[in-house]
Amino acid sequence: MKKCSKCELYKDESEFWVRKNRKSGVNSECKTCCSARRKENQEHARVVHREWCERNREKTRESALE
């Protein structure tokens, strides 16, 4: 049993991603928390990219024509 650093629940080690560079051999966050964090980061990156494209329409048009 290992404690997730994000949700702080004790879970079986099979619910953590393998990380050989860690002392315990598994990630500090469980797979569920890692997936949720990744999804949040992807959504944020999409929003930032859209905003950049709107501010830089000329650059995006130029690159589309090339």
Protein backbone atom coordinates (compact mmCIF):
# COMPACT_ATOMS: atom_id res chain seq x y z
CA MET A 1 0.00 0.00 0.00
CA LYS A 2 1.23 3.46 -0.93
CA LYS A 3 -0.18 6.91 -0.22
CA CYS A 4 -0.92 9.16 -3.21
CA SER A 5 0.66 12.59 -2.80
CA LYS A 6 -2.29 14.27 -4.54
CA CYS A 7 -5.49 12.65 -3.20
CA GLU A 8 -3.74 11.31 -0.05
CA LEU A 9 -5.52 7.94 -0.27
CA TYR A 10 -3.72 4.67 0.36
CA LYS A 11 -3.80 2.51 -2.74
CA ASP A 12 -2.17 -0.65 -4.00
CA GLU A 13 1.13 -0.10 -5.82
CA SER A 14 -0.45 -1.44 -9.02
CA GLU A 15 -2.48 1.81 -9.14
CA PHE A 16 0.71 3.88 -9.61
CA TRP A 17 2.84 4.28 -12.72
CA VAL A 18 6.27 2.61 -12.61
CA ARG A 19 9.16 5.05 -12.10
CA LYS A 20 12.50 3.27 -11.78
CA ASN A 21 14.31 6.44 -10.71
CA ARG A 22 12.15 6.67 -7.54
CA LYS A 23 13.18 4.98 -4.31
CA SER A 24 9.85 3.12 -4.12
CA GLY A 25 9.92 2.27 -7.84
CA VAL A 26 6.55 3.93 -8.53
CA ASN A 27 5.28 7.47 -9.11
CA SER A 28 4.17 9.60 -6.15
CA GLU A 29 0.73 10.28 -7.69
CA CYS A 30 -1.75 7.51 -8.53
CA LYS A 31 -2.77 6.86 -12.14
CA THR A 32 -6.16 8.54 -11.59
CA CYS A 33 -4.62 11.79 -10.29
CA CYS A 34 -1.96 11.81 -13.04
CA SER A 35 -4.62 11.42 -15.73
CA ALA A 36 -6.74 14.22 -14.25
CA ARG A 37 -3.72 16.55 -14.08
CA ARG A 38 -2.75 15.74 -17.67
CA LYS A 39 -6.28 16.46 -18.89
CA GLU A 40 -6.33 19.84 -17.09
CA ASN A 41 -2.96 20.75 -18.61
CA GLN A 42 -4.11 19.81 -22.13
CA GLU A 43 -7.24 21.94 -21.84
CA HIS A 44 -5.22 24.89 -20.56
CA ALA A 45 -2.71 24.52 -23.40
CA ARG A 46 -5.54 24.55 -25.98
CA VAL A 47 -6.96 27.77 -24.53
CA VAL A 48 -3.55 29.45 -24.51
CA HIS A 49 -2.90 28.34 -28.11
CA ARG A 50 -6.27 29.67 -29.33
CA GLU A 51 -5.63 33.02 -27.64
CA TRP A 52 -2.18 33.23 -29.23
CA CYS A 53 -3.61 32.44 -32.68
CA GLU A 54 -6.23 35.15 -32.30
CA ARG A 55 -3.60 37.72 -31.32
CA ASN A 56 -1.24 36.66 -34.13
CA ARG A 57 -3.56 36.12 -37.09
CA GLU A 58 -0.99 37.39 -39.60
CA LYS A 59 1.63 34.87 -38.46
CA THR A 60 -0.86 32.00 -38.58
CA ARG A 61 -2.00 32.99 -42.08
CA GLU A 62 1.58 33.18 -43.33
CA SER A 63 2.44 29.76 -41.97
CA ALA A 64 -0.74 28.29 -43.46
CA LEU A 65 0.18 29.59 -46.91
CA GLU A 66 3.68 28.09 -46.84
